[in-house]
N, C-alpha and C. Protein backbone atom coordinates (compact mmCIF):
# COMPACT_ATOMS: atom_id res chain seq x y z
N MET A 1 11.44 -12.85 115.73
CA MET A 1 11.22 -12.10 116.39
C MET A 1 9.68 -12.86 117.14
N SER A 2 9.76 -13.87 117.67
CA SER A 2 8.30 -14.34 118.40
C SER A 2 7.94 -13.80 120.03
N GLU A 3 9.30 -13.46 120.59
CA GLU A 3 8.84 -13.36 122.53
C GLU A 3 9.47 -11.77 121.88
N LEU A 4 8.89 -10.99 123.29
CA LEU A 4 9.60 -9.96 123.08
C LEU A 4 11.31 -9.78 123.95
N MET A 5 11.71 -9.37 123.71
CA MET A 5 13.15 -9.13 123.73
C MET A 5 13.46 -8.50 124.56
N THR A 6 14.26 -8.68 125.74
CA THR A 6 15.12 -8.41 127.70
C THR A 6 15.03 -6.50 126.89
N GLY A 7 14.62 -5.76 127.86
CA GLY A 7 15.68 -3.90 127.92
C GLY A 7 17.40 -4.29 127.58
N GLU A 8 18.19 -5.43 128.35
CA GLU A 8 19.06 -5.52 127.04
C GLU A 8 19.25 -5.91 126.41
N GLU A 9 18.61 -6.64 126.04
CA GLU A 9 18.81 -7.05 124.59
C GLU A 9 18.51 -6.28 123.66
N PHE A 10 17.73 -5.51 124.16
CA PHE A 10 17.34 -3.84 122.92
C PHE A 10 18.02 -2.93 122.98
N ASP A 11 19.07 -2.89 124.79
CA ASP A 11 19.77 -1.72 124.66
C ASP A 11 21.16 -2.35 123.49
N LYS A 12 21.01 -3.08 123.75
CA LYS A 12 22.95 -4.00 122.70
C LYS A 12 22.19 -3.93 121.31
N ARG A 13 20.92 -4.34 121.45
CA ARG A 13 21.29 -3.94 120.12
C ARG A 13 21.14 -2.46 118.81
N TYR A 14 20.49 -1.12 120.15
CA TYR A 14 20.93 -0.48 119.70
C TYR A 14 22.05 0.50 119.00
N GLU A 15 22.32 0.05 120.83
CA GLU A 15 24.43 0.35 120.85
C GLU A 15 24.91 0.14 119.40
N ARG A 16 25.23 -1.10 119.39
CA ARG A 16 25.33 -2.12 118.30
C ARG A 16 25.46 -0.94 116.98
N TYR A 17 24.12 -0.98 115.50
CA TYR A 17 23.67 -0.73 115.25
C TYR A 17 22.55 1.00 115.42
N GLY A 18 22.73 1.31 115.56
CA GLY A 18 21.29 2.65 115.72
C GLY A 18 22.55 3.60 116.06
N LYS A 19 23.57 3.80 117.40
CA LYS A 19 24.73 4.88 118.27
C LYS A 19 24.92 5.02 117.26
N PRO A 20 25.80 4.10 116.38
CA PRO A 20 27.10 5.35 115.52
C PRO A 20 26.41 6.44 114.13
N LEU A 21 25.01 6.18 114.68
CA LEU A 21 24.04 6.60 113.02
C LEU A 21 23.01 8.28 114.04
N GLU A 22 23.90 8.22 115.22
CA GLU A 22 23.52 9.41 115.86
C GLU A 22 23.89 11.12 115.69
N ASN A 23 25.34 10.54 115.08
CA ASN A 23 25.92 12.20 113.94
C ASN A 23 24.97 12.78 113.56
N ASN A 24 24.93 12.10 112.73
CA ASN A 24 23.93 12.10 111.46
C ASN A 24 22.41 12.17 111.05
N ARG A 25 21.78 11.39 111.71
CA ARG A 25 20.23 10.94 111.76
C ARG A 25 20.48 10.55 113.02
N ARG A 26 20.34 11.81 114.13
CA ARG A 26 19.57 11.64 114.75
C ARG A 26 18.20 12.80 114.96
N GLY A 27 17.23 12.15 115.67
CA GLY A 27 15.68 12.39 115.17
C GLY A 27 15.13 12.01 114.95
N GLU A 28 15.75 10.39 113.58
CA GLU A 28 15.38 9.87 112.30
C GLU A 28 14.87 8.30 113.10
N PHE A 29 14.03 7.43 112.63
CA PHE A 29 13.95 6.76 112.55
C PHE A 29 14.22 5.21 112.52
N ILE A 30 14.29 4.71 113.02
CA ILE A 30 15.39 3.17 112.46
C ILE A 30 14.91 2.28 113.32
N ALA A 31 15.22 1.22 112.16
CA ALA A 31 14.05 -0.38 112.45
C ALA A 31 15.11 -1.37 112.07
N ILE A 32 15.34 -2.32 113.13
CA ILE A 32 16.93 -2.92 113.58
C ILE A 32 16.39 -4.37 113.27
N THR A 33 16.54 -5.18 112.63
CA THR A 33 16.70 -6.19 112.77
C THR A 33 17.93 -7.72 113.53
N GLN A 34 17.56 -8.01 113.65
CA GLN A 34 18.71 -8.66 115.26
C GLN A 34 19.90 -9.38 114.45
N ASP A 35 19.81 -8.93 113.12
CA ASP A 35 21.02 -9.07 112.07
C ASP A 35 21.29 -8.65 111.88
N GLY A 36 21.41 -7.44 112.19
CA GLY A 36 21.43 -5.55 111.95
C GLY A 36 21.60 -4.88 110.65
N ARG A 37 20.42 -5.71 110.16
CA ARG A 37 20.44 -4.80 108.72
C ARG A 37 19.51 -3.23 109.31
N VAL A 38 19.19 -2.94 108.86
CA VAL A 38 18.27 -1.39 109.20
C VAL A 38 17.98 -0.38 108.03
N ILE A 39 16.74 0.30 108.11
CA ILE A 39 15.76 1.22 107.30
C ILE A 39 15.94 2.60 108.47
N VAL A 40 16.23 3.36 107.46
CA VAL A 40 16.32 4.55 108.40
C VAL A 40 15.52 5.70 107.78
N GLY A 41 14.52 6.48 108.41
CA GLY A 41 14.09 7.88 107.84
C GLY A 41 13.21 8.31 108.58
N LYS A 42 12.57 9.60 108.12
CA LYS A 42 12.41 10.70 108.69
C LYS A 42 10.90 10.35 109.19
N ASP A 43 9.95 9.75 108.69
CA ASP A 43 8.70 9.36 109.86
C ASP A 43 8.28 7.77 109.96
N ASP A 44 8.21 8.11 110.32
CA ASP A 44 7.73 6.60 111.50
C ASP A 44 7.04 5.88 110.92
N ILE A 45 5.32 6.36 111.21
CA ILE A 45 4.93 5.32 109.58
C ILE A 45 6.10 4.77 108.49
N GLU A 46 6.60 5.26 108.00
CA GLU A 46 7.25 5.12 106.55
C GLU A 46 7.91 3.73 107.18
N VAL A 47 8.65 4.17 107.07
CA VAL A 47 9.88 3.32 107.94
C VAL A 47 9.38 1.35 108.79
N VAL A 48 7.77 2.12 109.39
CA VAL A 48 7.50 0.46 110.00
C VAL A 48 6.92 0.36 108.81
N ASP A 49 6.68 0.44 108.03
CA ASP A 49 6.06 0.05 106.21
C ASP A 49 7.09 -0.36 105.58
N ARG A 50 8.46 -0.02 105.93
CA ARG A 50 9.16 -0.60 104.59
C ARG A 50 9.91 -1.37 105.51
N ALA A 51 10.50 -1.67 106.74
CA ALA A 51 10.59 -2.04 107.43
C ALA A 51 9.69 -3.74 108.01
N ILE A 52 8.28 -3.45 107.45
CA ILE A 52 6.94 -5.03 107.51
C ILE A 52 8.00 -5.53 106.20
N GLU A 53 7.34 -4.91 105.18
CA GLU A 53 7.96 -5.18 103.72
C GLU A 53 9.05 -6.47 103.49
N GLU A 54 10.51 -5.26 104.14
CA GLU A 54 11.79 -6.05 103.65
C GLU A 54 11.47 -7.36 104.90
N PHE A 55 11.32 -7.00 105.95
CA PHE A 55 11.21 -7.73 107.64
C PHE A 55 11.06 -8.60 107.57
N GLY A 56 10.28 -8.21 107.62
CA GLY A 56 8.57 -9.44 108.07
C GLY A 56 8.61 -7.97 109.06
N SER A 57 6.98 -8.74 110.40
CA SER A 57 5.91 -8.04 111.07
C SER A 57 6.86 -9.25 111.71
N GLY A 58 7.25 -7.72 113.04
CA GLY A 58 7.81 -8.55 115.04
C GLY A 58 8.85 -8.48 114.30
N ASN A 59 9.88 -9.10 113.07
CA ASN A 59 11.20 -9.20 112.89
C ASN A 59 12.09 -8.10 113.32
N PHE A 60 11.79 -6.93 114.30
CA PHE A 60 12.43 -6.26 114.64
C PHE A 60 12.08 -4.71 115.16
N ILE A 61 13.30 -3.87 116.14
CA ILE A 61 12.77 -3.14 116.40
C ILE A 61 12.56 -1.47 116.12
N LEU A 62 12.32 -0.57 116.32
CA LEU A 62 12.15 0.46 116.08
C LEU A 62 11.80 1.69 117.34
N CYS A 63 13.06 2.72 116.77
CA CYS A 63 13.39 3.59 118.32
C CYS A 63 13.84 4.63 117.36
N ARG A 64 13.37 6.04 117.87
CA ARG A 64 14.15 7.40 116.68
C ARG A 64 15.74 7.17 117.50
N VAL A 65 16.81 7.67 116.70
CA VAL A 65 17.89 7.54 116.36
C VAL A 65 18.46 8.62 117.69
N GLY A 66 19.34 8.88 118.66
CA GLY A 66 19.33 9.73 119.94
C GLY A 66 18.59 10.11 120.80
N ASP A 67 17.36 9.19 120.94
CA ASP A 67 16.45 9.26 121.58
C ASP A 67 17.04 8.98 123.47
N LYS A 68 16.73 9.85 124.20
CA LYS A 68 17.39 9.49 125.85
C LYS A 68 16.99 8.90 126.71
N SER A 69 15.57 7.71 125.40
CA SER A 69 14.40 7.06 126.79
C SER A 69 14.61 6.30 127.21
N VAL A 70 14.31 5.17 128.01
CA VAL A 70 14.16 4.56 128.75
C VAL A 70 14.27 3.63 128.50
N GLY A 71 14.90 2.29 127.95
CA GLY A 71 14.72 1.27 127.07
C GLY A 71 13.10 0.97 127.87
N LYS A 72 12.20 0.90 128.73
CA LYS A 72 11.67 0.03 128.72
C LYS A 72 10.20 0.79 127.48
N ILE A 73 10.76 2.16 127.94
CA ILE A 73 9.04 2.81 127.02
C ILE A 73 9.62 2.61 125.35
N ARG A 74 11.46 2.56 124.92
CA ARG A 74 11.88 2.39 123.37
C ARG A 74 10.84 1.29 123.68
N ARG A 75 11.10 -0.43 123.91
CA ARG A 75 10.89 -1.16 124.07
C ARG A 75 9.62 -1.82 123.42
N GLU A 76 8.72 -0.93 124.35
CA GLU A 76 6.63 -0.66 124.56
C GLU A 76 6.81 0.03 122.22
N GLN A 77 7.06 1.54 122.98
CA GLN A 77 6.85 1.69 121.59
C GLN A 77 6.95 0.86 119.86
N CYS A 78 8.38 0.01 119.78
CA CYS A 78 8.49 -0.38 119.18
C CYS A 78 7.05 -1.80 119.14
N THR A 79 7.03 -2.51 119.67
CA THR A 79 5.57 -3.44 120.01
C THR A 79 4.37 -2.97 119.68
N LEU A 80 4.23 -1.81 120.22
CA LEU A 80 3.29 -0.50 119.59
C LEU A 80 3.44 -1.20 117.99
N ALA A 81 4.13 -0.41 118.10
CA ALA A 81 4.57 0.23 116.01
C ALA A 81 4.08 -1.37 114.74
N THR A 82 5.16 -1.94 115.49
CA THR A 82 4.87 -3.26 114.63
C THR A 82 3.48 -4.25 115.17
N SER A 83 3.12 -4.47 116.33
CA SER A 83 1.42 -4.40 116.52
C SER A 83 0.36 -4.19 115.37
N ILE A 84 0.28 -2.57 115.63
CA ILE A 84 -0.80 -1.46 115.18
C ILE A 84 -0.28 -2.00 113.14
N ARG A 85 0.90 -1.93 112.93
CA ARG A 85 1.12 -1.92 111.63
C ARG A 85 0.53 -3.22 110.39
N SER A 86 1.47 -4.17 111.24
CA SER A 86 0.77 -5.24 111.07
C SER A 86 -0.75 -5.71 111.18
N SER A 87 -1.65 -4.93 111.90
CA SER A 87 -2.59 -5.35 111.92
C SER A 87 -3.92 -5.27 111.39
N THR A 88 -3.25 -4.31 109.91
CA THR A 88 -3.94 -3.44 109.28
C THR A 88 -3.07 -4.17 107.73
């Protein structure tokens, strides 16, 4: 995922792979690849580290399960998290 995705793309991916986890994993963090592989955990840094190791930097979105924030904020959080962790 070398280019930033649109809000619609982000929302579609979350709806398909993240939303089904809302009943049991609300508040946890989820990294989702384009093909639907996921990593879920309670610690955002741990989830990002595992996702970078397993999927590669920039190849996933990161958000909090059940977060009602708008897509723009979620996308910015995802971009920030992956770029910070990949620069270390």
